[in-house]
C-alpha atoms as a PDB file:
ATOM      1  CA  MET A   1     -13.485 -14.149   3.853  1.00  0.00           C
ATOM      2  CA  HIS A   2     -11.286 -15.286   1.732  1.00  0.00           C
ATOM      3  CA  ARG A   3      -7.673 -14.218   2.941  1.00  0.00           C
ATOM      4  CA  LEU A   4      -6.150 -17.075   2.164  1.00  0.00           C
ATOM      5  CA  ARG A   5      -6.876 -17.355  -1.766  1.00  0.00           C
ATOM      6  CA  LEU A   6      -6.341 -13.641  -1.795  1.00  0.00           C
ATOM      7  CA  LEU A   7      -2.792 -13.745  -0.453  1.00  0.00           C
ATOM      8  CA  PHE A   8      -1.859 -16.583  -2.991  1.00  0.00           C
ATOM      9  CA  VAL A   9      -3.192 -14.336  -5.585  1.00  0.00           C
ATOM     10  CA  VAL A  10      -1.560 -11.585  -5.013  1.00  0.00           C
ATOM     11  CA  VAL A  11       1.786 -13.514  -4.312  1.00  0.00           C
ATOM     12  CA  LEU A  12       1.210 -14.988  -7.995  1.00  0.00           C
ATOM     13  CA  ILE A  13       0.951 -11.964  -9.352  1.00  0.00           C
ATOM     14  CA  ALA A  14       4.115 -10.435  -7.640  1.00  0.00           C
ATOM     15  CA  VAL A  15       6.139 -13.331  -9.102  1.00  0.00           C
ATOM     16  CA  THR A  16       4.902 -13.251 -12.571  1.00  0.00           C
ATOM     17  CA  SER A  17       5.551  -9.313 -12.439  1.00  0.00           C
ATOM     18  CA  CYS A  18       9.358 -10.092 -12.013  1.00  0.00           C
ATOM     19  CA  LYS A  19       9.681 -10.648 -16.104  1.00  0.00           C
ATOM     20  CA  LYS A  20      12.335  -8.799 -17.568  1.00  0.00           C
ATOM     21  CA  THR A  21      11.100  -5.065 -19.446  1.00  0.00           C
ATOM     22  CA  PRO A  22      13.269  -4.533 -21.913  1.00  0.00           C
ATOM     23  CA  GLY A  23      15.315  -1.483 -22.128  1.00  0.00           C
ATOM     24  CA  HIS A  24      15.685   1.664 -19.136  1.00  0.00           C
ATOM     25  CA  LEU A  25      13.440   4.365 -20.760  1.00  0.00           C
ATOM     26  CA  ALA A  26      10.385   4.732 -18.845  1.00  0.00           C
ATOM     27  CA  LYS A  27       7.369   6.255 -20.144  1.00  0.00           C
ATOM     28  CA  VAL A  28       6.245   9.645 -18.159  1.00  0.00           C
ATOM     29  CA  GLU A  29       2.535   9.742 -16.597  1.00  0.00           C
ATOM     30  CA  VAL A  30       0.957  12.984 -15.454  1.00  0.00           C
ATOM     31  CA  GLU A  31       2.284  14.913 -12.138  1.00  0.00           C
ATOM     32  CA  ALA A  32       1.360  12.746  -8.918  1.00  0.00           C
ATOM     33  CA  GLY A  33       0.915  15.606  -6.913  1.00  0.00           C
ATOM     34  CA  ARG A  34       3.503  17.717  -5.075  1.00  0.00           C
ATOM     35  CA  GLY A  35       2.980  16.730  -1.988  1.00  0.00           C
ATOM     36  CA  LEU A  36       4.633  13.526  -2.092  1.00  0.00           C
ATOM     37  CA  THR A  37       7.695  13.058  -0.514  1.00  0.00           C
ATOM     38  CA  ALA A  38      10.208   9.766  -0.093  1.00  0.00           C
ATOM     39  CA  ILE A  39      13.148   8.987   1.491  1.00  0.00           C
ATOM     40  CA  VAL A  40      16.337   7.702  -0.249  1.00  0.00           C
ATOM     41  CA  THR A  41      17.569   4.677   1.347  1.00  0.00           C
ATOM     42  CA  LYS A  42      21.319   4.211   0.886  1.00  0.00           C
ATOM     43  CA  GLU A  43      24.464   6.535   0.134  1.00  0.00           C
ATOM     44  CA  GLY A  44      25.200   7.795  -2.984  1.00  0.00           C
ATOM     45  CA  VAL A  45      21.985   7.435  -5.278  1.00  0.00           C
ATOM     46  CA  ASN A  46      22.080   9.169  -8.606  1.00  0.00           C
ATOM     47  CA  LEU A  47      19.476  11.973  -9.369  1.00  0.00           C
ATOM     48  CA  ARG A  48      19.533  11.522 -13.176  1.00  0.00           C
ATOM     49  CA  GLN A  49      18.864  13.543 -16.063  1.00  0.00           C
ATOM     50  CA  SER A  50      16.158  11.285 -17.598  1.00  0.00           C
ATOM     51  CA  ALA A  51      14.594   7.940 -16.533  1.00  0.00           C
ATOM     52  CA  SER A  52      17.378   6.236 -17.566  1.00  0.00           C
ATOM     53  CA  VAL A  53      20.884   4.171 -16.146  1.00  0.00           C
ATOM     54  CA  ASN A  54      22.393   5.938 -19.218  1.00  0.00           C
ATOM     55  CA  ALA A  55      21.192   9.609 -18.345  1.00  0.00           C
ATOM     56  CA  PRO A  56      23.999  12.256 -17.122  1.00  0.00           C
ATOM     57  CA  VAL A  57      23.767  12.530 -13.430  1.00  0.00           C
ATOM     58  CA  VAL A  58      22.470  15.810 -11.832  1.00  0.00           C
ATOM     59  CA  SER A  59      23.068  14.839  -8.298  1.00  0.00           C
ATOM     60  CA  ILE A  60      24.905  12.161  -5.322  1.00  0.00           C
ATOM     61  CA  LEU A  61      21.905  12.083  -3.135  1.00  0.00           C
ATOM     62  CA  PRO A  62      22.880  11.177   0.568  1.00  0.00           C
ATOM     63  CA  LYS A  63      21.206   8.263   2.405  1.00  0.00           C
ATOM     64  CA  GLY A  64      18.115   9.731   4.177  1.00  0.00           C
ATOM     65  CA  ALA A  65      17.412  12.654   1.760  1.00  0.00           C
ATOM     66  CA  SER A  66      13.625  13.801   1.854  1.00  0.00           C
ATOM     67  CA  LEU A  67      12.828  14.538  -1.930  1.00  0.00           C
ATOM     68  CA  THR A  68       9.935  16.346  -3.532  1.00  0.00           C
ATOM     69  CA  VAL A  69       8.474  13.515  -5.633  1.00  0.00           C
ATOM     70  CA  LEU A  70       6.406  15.383  -8.867  1.00  0.00           C
ATOM     71  CA  GLU A  71       5.854  12.220 -10.966  1.00  0.00           C
ATOM     72  CA  LYS A  72       6.609   8.628 -11.910  1.00  0.00           C
ATOM     73  CA  SER A  73       6.760   6.544 -14.772  1.00  0.00           C
ATOM     74  CA  ALA A  74       3.706   4.879 -15.932  1.00  0.00           C
ATOM     75  CA  GLU A  75       5.668   1.652 -16.027  1.00  0.00           C
ATOM     76  CA  PRO A  76       8.046  -0.093 -13.987  1.00  0.00           C
ATOM     77  CA  VAL A  77      11.463  -0.995 -15.293  1.00  0.00           C
ATOM     78  CA  GLN A  78      13.670  -3.962 -14.404  1.00  0.00           C
ATOM     79  CA  ILE A  79      17.077  -2.674 -14.050  1.00  0.00           C
ATOM     80  CA  TYR A  80      18.274  -5.270 -10.994  1.00  0.00           C
ATOM     81  CA  LYS A  81      16.133  -8.132  -9.739  1.00  0.00           C
ATOM     82  CA  CYS A  82      12.651  -6.616  -9.585  1.00  0.00           C
ATOM     83  CA  PRO A  83      11.150  -3.933 -11.858  1.00  0.00           C
ATOM     84  CA  TYR A  84      10.509  -0.222  -9.969  1.00  0.00           C
ATOM     85  CA  TYR A  85       9.101   2.838 -11.017  1.00  0.00           C
ATOM     86  CA  TRP A  86      11.390   5.858 -12.040  1.00  0.00           C
ATOM     87  CA  PHE A  87      10.646   9.018 -10.076  1.00  0.00           C
ATOM     88  CA  HIS A  88      10.887  12.474 -10.939  1.00  0.00           C
ATOM     89  CA  ALA A  89      11.853  14.415  -8.115  1.00  0.00           C
ATOM     90  CA  THR A  90      13.637  17.374  -6.240  1.00  0.00           C
ATOM     91  CA  TYR A  91      16.184  17.928  -3.792  1.00  0.00           C
ATOM     92  CA  GLY A  92      17.174  21.316  -2.717  1.00  0.00           C
ATOM     93  CA  GLN A  93      17.962  22.883  -5.983  1.00  0.00           C
ATOM     94  CA  LYS A  94      18.158  19.900  -8.064  1.00  0.00           C
ATOM     95  CA  THR A  95      15.580  17.991 -10.371  1.00  0.00           C
ATOM     96  CA  GLY A  96      16.173  14.847 -11.998  1.00  0.00           C
ATOM     97  CA  TRP A  97      15.234  10.862 -11.974  1.00  0.00           C
ATOM     98  CA  VAL A  98      15.672   8.448  -9.073  1.00  0.00           C
ATOM     99  CA  TYR A  99      15.204   4.771  -9.413  1.00  0.00           C
ATOM    100  CA  GLY A 100      12.388   3.666  -7.234  1.00  0.00           C
ATOM    101  CA  GLU A 101      14.511   0.791  -5.242  1.00  0.00           C
ATOM    102  CA  PHE A 102      16.948   3.148  -3.520  1.00  0.00           C
ATOM    103  CA  LEU A 103      13.319   5.073  -2.277  1.00  0.00           C
ATOM    104  CA  THR A 104      10.977   4.329   1.038  1.00  0.00           C
ATOM    105  CA  GLY A 105       9.145   6.361   3.383  1.00  0.00           C
ATOM    106  CA  PHE A 106       6.460   8.013   0.696  1.00  0.00           C
ATOM    107  CA  SER A 107       4.196  10.316   2.425  1.00  0.00           C
ATOM    108  CA  ASP A 108       1.615  12.367   0.818  1.00  0.00           C
ATOM    109  CA  THR A 109      -0.321  15.169   2.434  1.00  0.00           C
ATOM    110  CA  ASN A 110      -2.999  15.552  -0.460  1.00  0.00           C
ATOM    111  CA  ARG A 111      -5.826  14.295  -0.187  1.00  0.00           C
ATOM    112  CA  ARG A 112      -8.744  13.061  -2.976  1.00  0.00           C
ATOM    113  CA  ILE A 113     -12.152  11.538  -2.360  1.00  0.00           C
ATOM    114  CA  TYR A 114     -12.281   7.880  -3.690  1.00  0.00           C
ATOM    115  CA  THR A 115     -15.379   6.022  -3.973  1.00  0.00           C
ATOM    116  CA  THR A 116     -16.031   2.324  -5.005  1.00  0.00           C
ATOM    117  CA  GLU A 117     -18.944  -0.395  -4.523  1.00  0.00           C
ATOM    118  CA  GLU A 118     -18.857  -3.704  -3.004  1.00  0.00           C
ATOM    119  CA  GLU A 119     -22.197  -5.706  -3.323  1.00  0.00           C
ATOM    120  CA  GLY A 120     -24.584  -2.478  -4.116  1.00  0.00           C
ATOM    121  CA  LEU A 121     -22.885  -0.437  -1.305  1.00  0.00           C
ATOM    122  CA  LYS A 122     -21.206   2.772  -2.140  1.00  0.00           C
ATOM    123  CA  ILE A 123     -18.001   3.418  -0.166  1.00  0.00           C
ATOM    124  CA  GLN A 124     -16.532   6.817  -0.145  1.00  0.00           C
ATOM    125  CA  MET A 125     -13.494   7.862   1.786  1.00  0.00           C
ATOM    126  CA  SER A 126     -10.932  10.434   1.871  1.00  0.00           C
ATOM    127  CA  ILE A 127      -7.507   8.855   0.617  1.00  0.00           C
ATOM    128  CA  PRO A 128      -4.017  10.440  -0.473  1.00  0.00           C
ATOM    129  CA  GLU A 129      -3.880  11.807  -4.059  1.00  0.00           C
ATOM    130  CA  SER A 130      -1.082   9.504  -5.348  1.00  0.00           C
ATOM    131  CA  TRP A 131      -2.923   6.365  -4.240  1.00  0.00           C
ATOM    132  CA  GLN A 132      -4.304   4.773  -7.732  1.00  0.00           C
ATOM    133  CA  GLY A 133      -6.022   1.760  -8.457  1.00  0.00           C
ATOM    134  CA  ASN A 134      -9.028  -0.221 -10.249  1.00  0.00           C
ATOM    135  CA  SER A 135     -11.875  -1.085  -8.268  1.00  0.00           C
ATOM    136  CA  SER A 136     -11.461  -2.367  -4.898  1.00  0.00           C
ATOM    137  CA  VAL A 137      -7.888  -2.312  -4.830  1.00  0.00           C
ATOM    138  CA  LEU A 138      -5.091   0.582  -4.580  1.00  0.00           C
ATOM    139  CA  SER A 139      -1.295   0.929  -4.859  1.00  0.00           C
ATOM    140  CA  ASP A 140       0.349   3.333  -2.904  1.00  0.00           C
ATOM    141  CA  GLY A 141       2.576   6.201  -4.632  1.00  0.00           C
ATOM    142  CA  ALA A 142       5.773   3.899  -4.768  1.00  0.00           C
ATOM    143  CA  GLY A 143       3.282   1.472  -6.443  1.00  0.00           C
ATOM    144  CA  GLY A 144       3.299  -1.292  -3.987  1.00  0.00           C
ATOM    145  CA  LYS A 145      -0.381  -2.872  -2.917  1.00  0.00           C
ATOM    146  CA  ILE A 146      -1.559  -0.779  -0.308  1.00  0.00           C
ATOM    147  CA  MET A 147      -5.337  -0.912   0.478  1.00  0.00           C
ATOM    148  CA  GLU A 148      -8.160  -2.731  -0.516  1.00  0.00           C
ATOM    149  CA  THR A 149     -12.348  -3.531  -0.005  1.00  0.00           C
ATOM    150  CA  ARG A 150     -13.820  -6.850   0.522  1.00  0.00           C
ATOM    151  CA  PRO A 151     -17.517  -7.487   0.416  1.00  0.00           C
ATOM    152  CA  PRO A 152     -19.859  -7.266   3.929  1.00  0.00           C
ATOM    153  CA  GLU A 153     -19.655 -11.118   5.572  1.00  0.00           C
ATOM    154  CA  ASP A 154     -20.981 -12.097   8.922  1.00  0.00           C
ATOM    155  CA  ILE A 155     -19.293 -12.140  12.230  1.00  0.00           C
ATOM    156  CA  ASN A 156     -21.445 -13.489  14.816  1.00  0.00           C
ATOM    157  CA  GLY A 157     -20.905 -13.001  18.627  1.00  0.00           C
ATOM    158  CA  ASP A 158     -18.903 -11.236  20.322  1.00  0.00           C
ATOM    159  CA  PHE A 159     -16.652  -9.361  17.748  1.00  0.00           C
ATOM    160  CA  GLU A 160     -12.989  -9.850  18.971  1.00  0.00           C
ATOM    161  CA  THR A 161     -13.683 -13.731  20.365  1.00  0.00           C
ATOM    162  CA  ALA A 162     -14.881 -14.478  16.642  1.00  0.00           C
ATOM    163  CA  ILE A 163     -12.714 -12.925  14.527  1.00  0.00           C
ATOM    164  CA  ARG A 164      -9.643 -14.513  16.661  1.00  0.00           C
ATOM    165  CA  ALA A 165     -11.227 -17.695  16.150  1.00  0.00           C
ATOM    166  CA  PHE A 166     -11.380 -16.662  12.609  1.00  0.00           C
ATOM    167  CA  TYR A 167      -7.864 -16.185  12.279  1.00  0.00           C
ATOM    168  CA  LYS A 168      -6.826 -19.132  14.233  1.00  0.00           C
ATOM    169  CA  GLY A 169      -8.365 -21.480  11.725  1.00  0.00           C
ATOM    170  CA  PHE A 170      -5.558 -20.423   9.489  1.00  0.00           C
ATOM    171  CA  ASP A 171      -3.001 -22.186  12.109  1.00  0.00           C
ATOM    172  CA  ASN A 172      -2.209 -25.131  10.045  1.00  0.00           C
ATOM    173  CA  SER A 173      -2.633 -23.491   6.542  1.00  0.00           C
ATOM    174  CA  GLU A 174       0.653 -22.539   4.602  1.00  0.00           C
ATOM    175  CA  HIS A 175       0.204 -18.983   5.730  1.00  0.00           C
ATOM    176  CA  PRO A 176      -1.193 -18.791   9.511  1.00  0.00           C
ATOM    177  CA  TYR A 177      -2.313 -15.487  10.741  1.00  0.00           C
ATOM    178  CA  ARG A 178      -1.190 -13.883  14.264  1.00  0.00           C
ATOM    179  CA  VAL A 179      -3.698 -11.047  15.427  1.00  0.00           C
ATOM    180  CA  HIS A 180      -1.717  -8.526  17.368  1.00  0.00           C
ATOM    181  CA  SER A 181      -4.599  -6.476  18.029  1.00  0.00           C
ATOM    182  CA  VAL A 182      -8.067  -6.168  17.586  1.00  0.00           C
ATOM    183  CA  THR A 183      -9.035  -2.486  18.929  1.00  0.00           C
ATOM    184  CA  LYS A 184     -12.285  -0.539  18.428  1.00  0.00           C
ATOM    185  CA  ILE A 185     -11.678   2.965  16.907  1.00  0.00           C
ATOM    186  CA  LEU A 186     -13.676   6.323  16.935  1.00  0.00           C
ATOM    187  CA  HIS A 187     -16.272   6.832  13.731  1.00  0.00           C
ATOM    188  CA  PRO A 188     -18.550   9.305  13.490  1.00  0.00           C
ATOM    189  CA  LYS A 189     -21.547   7.076  12.624  1.00  0.00           C
ATOM    190  CA  VAL A 190     -20.388   3.238  12.737  1.00  0.00           C
ATOM    191  CA  THR A 191     -18.849   0.555  14.799  1.00  0.00           C
ATOM    192  CA  VAL A 192     -15.550   0.236  13.699  1.00  0.00           C
ATOM    193  CA  PHE A 193     -13.005  -2.411  14.799  1.00  0.00           C
ATOM    194  CA  ARG A 194      -9.276  -2.279  14.125  1.00  0.00           C
ATOM    195  CA  VAL A 195      -7.714  -5.786  13.537  1.00  0.00           C
ATOM    196  CA  MET A 196      -3.846  -5.986  13.331  1.00  0.00           C
ATOM    197  CA  THR A 197      -2.766  -9.119  11.720  1.00  0.00           C
ATOM    198  CA  GLU A 198       1.307 -10.667  10.721  1.00  0.00           C
ATOM    199  CA  THR A 199       1.093 -13.379   7.803  1.00  0.00           C
ATOM    200  CA  SER A 200       3.890 -14.474   5.425  1.00  0.00           C
ATOM    201  CA  GLY A 201       4.507 -14.068   1.704  1.00  0.00           C
ATOM    202  CA  GLU A 202       6.698 -15.861  -0.394  1.00  0.00           C
ATOM    203  CA  GLY A 203       8.506 -14.955  -3.474  1.00  0.00           C
ATOM    204  CA  GLY A 204       7.646 -12.485  -5.436  1.00  0.00           C
ATOM    205  CA  CYS A 205       8.921  -8.599  -6.717  1.00  0.00           C
ATOM    206  CA  PRO A 206       9.313  -6.798  -4.026  1.00  0.00           C
ATOM    207  CA  ASN A 207       6.275  -6.111  -1.440  1.00  0.00           C
ATOM    208  CA  TRP A 208       5.353  -9.558  -0.834  1.00  0.00           C
ATOM    209  CA  VAL A 209       8.266 -11.188   0.674  1.00  0.00           C
ATOM    210  CA  GLY A 210       8.923 -12.494   4.252  1.00  0.00           C
ATOM    211  CA  LYS A 211       6.628 -11.125   6.783  1.00  0.00           C
ATOM    212  CA  VAL A 212       3.235  -9.375   5.205  1.00  0.00           C
ATOM    213  CA  TYR A 213       1.049  -6.838   7.567  1.00  0.00           C
ATOM    214  CA  PRO A 214      -2.298  -6.552   6.711  1.00  0.00           C
ATOM    215  CA  VAL A 215      -4.375  -3.865   9.121  1.00  0.00           C
ATOM    216  CA  GLY A 216      -8.374  -4.805   8.827  1.00  0.00           C
ATOM    217  CA  TYR A 217     -10.818  -2.248   9.477  1.00  0.00           C
ATOM    218  CA  TYR A 218     -14.468  -3.843   9.836  1.00  0.00           C
ATOM    219  CA  PHE A 219     -17.406  -1.701   9.531  1.00  0.00           C
ATOM    220  CA  GLN A 220     -20.226  -2.750  10.980  1.00  0.00           C
ATOM    221  CA  ILE A 221     -23.034  -2.258   8.255  1.00  0.00           C
ATOM    222  CA  HIS A 222     -26.044  -4.092  10.408  1.00  0.00           C
ATOM    223  CA  GLY A 223     -26.328  -6.588  12.913  1.00  0.00           C
ATOM    224  CA  THR A 224     -23.641  -9.151  11.943  1.00  0.00           C
ATOM    225  CA  GLN A 225     -22.841  -7.792   8.971  1.00  0.00           C
ATOM    226  CA  TYR A 226     -19.357  -6.207   8.972  1.00  0.00           C
ATOM    227  CA  LEU A 227     -17.231  -4.889   5.652  1.00  0.00           C
ATOM    228  CA  ASP A 228     -13.759  -5.044   6.027  1.00  0.00           C
ATOM    229  CA  ILE A 229     -11.116  -2.221   4.014  1.00  0.00           C
ATOM    230  CA  THR A 230      -7.740  -4.057   4.411  1.00  0.00           C
ATOM    231  CA  PHE A 231      -4.542  -1.832   4.411  1.00  0.00           C
ATOM    232  CA  TYR A 232      -0.952  -2.904   4.707  1.00  0.00           C
ATOM    233  CA  SER A 233       1.595  -1.382   6.953  1.00  0.00           C
ATOM    234  CA  ASP A 234       5.086  -2.131   7.453  1.00  0.00           C
ATOM    235  CA  GLY A 235       5.317  -3.424  10.376  1.00  0.00           C
ATOM    236  CA  MET A 236       3.643  -3.250  14.072  1.00  0.00           C
ATOM    237  CA  ASN A 237       5.723  -0.661  14.799  1.00  0.00           C
ATOM    238  CA  ASP A 238       4.625   1.651  11.549  1.00  0.00           C
ATOM    239  CA  ILE A 239       3.445   4.581  13.464  1.00  0.00           C
ATOM    240  CA  LYS A 240       2.962   6.660  10.907  1.00  0.00           C
ATOM    241  CA  ASN A 241       1.121   4.497   8.163  1.00  0.00           C
ATOM    242  CA  ILE A 242      -1.151   3.168  11.086  1.00  0.00           C
ATOM    243  CA  ALA A 243      -2.322   6.754  11.918  1.00  0.00           C
ATOM    244  CA  LEU A 244      -3.035   7.657   8.521  1.00  0.00           C
ATOM    245  CA  PHE A 245      -5.176   4.222   8.129  1.00  0.00           C
ATOM    246  CA  ASP A 246      -6.992   5.088  11.181  1.00  0.00           C
ATOM    247  CA  GLU A 247      -7.427   8.857   9.818  1.00  0.00           C
ATOM    248  CA  ILE A 248      -8.556   7.156   6.446  1.00  0.00           C
ATOM    249  CA  ALA A 249     -10.997   4.979   8.467  1.00  0.00           C
ATOM    250  CA  GLN A 250     -12.806   7.603  10.247  1.00  0.00           C
ATOM    251  CA  THR A 251     -13.759   9.576   6.807  1.00  0.00           C
ATOM    252  CA  VAL A 252     -15.333   6.311   5.994  1.00  0.00           C
ATOM    253  CA  SER A 253     -19.239   6.621   4.878  1.00  0.00           C
ATOM    254  CA  ILE A 254     -21.052   3.550   3.403  1.00  0.00           C
ATOM    255  CA  ASN A 255     -24.368   3.467   1.697  1.00  0.00           C
END
């Protein structure tokens, strides 16, 4: 298990991604799926005619407005401190573009089958259609890191005792972990433990500042071998996403 190294790499990538992107016009990619929604985070956000701060305003959005997201820009654009995607969305009868810094609570009711491999193991699961990525790392509808798979590793003896001891080993490191809970969850074929943890990130744009809440699902392959699929929540009380992660974990098949 190499979480400390992985966290450092993520933080480093996040920091370097904050370089200024020239211009404000975003290139549009294909439709992201009409099951994707998002919530406006502040009062008076502009819904614009195109993906540009210079585009005419179609409507002024209130805080808490729920938008149906149609598509997002191909690349994030830096307008203020950090780069964000532009999102093409509808609100009531109005359709336009919203800068992603002012959106949160992305939720997708559509699903697709995702397949990846770890050391010869074929892993398949049902995930939100808007989650995208390469290899073992996926980003959510907002473009933030949401899930990754890791190669199988040995966890000997009683699982909870062993996993707590493992995370305890980071107590004197730069990024200590706190284990909040270890819970056995239902799965149709294999033994699965959900391990909810908390650690810290430093710097970066925009999701790796302050506390980070990894939710690891450990699938027993055979004997002491466990495959770890980790998701990233917004906190210990992020009930909606944790329920989604449980749902996804129950669809996982490993061959």
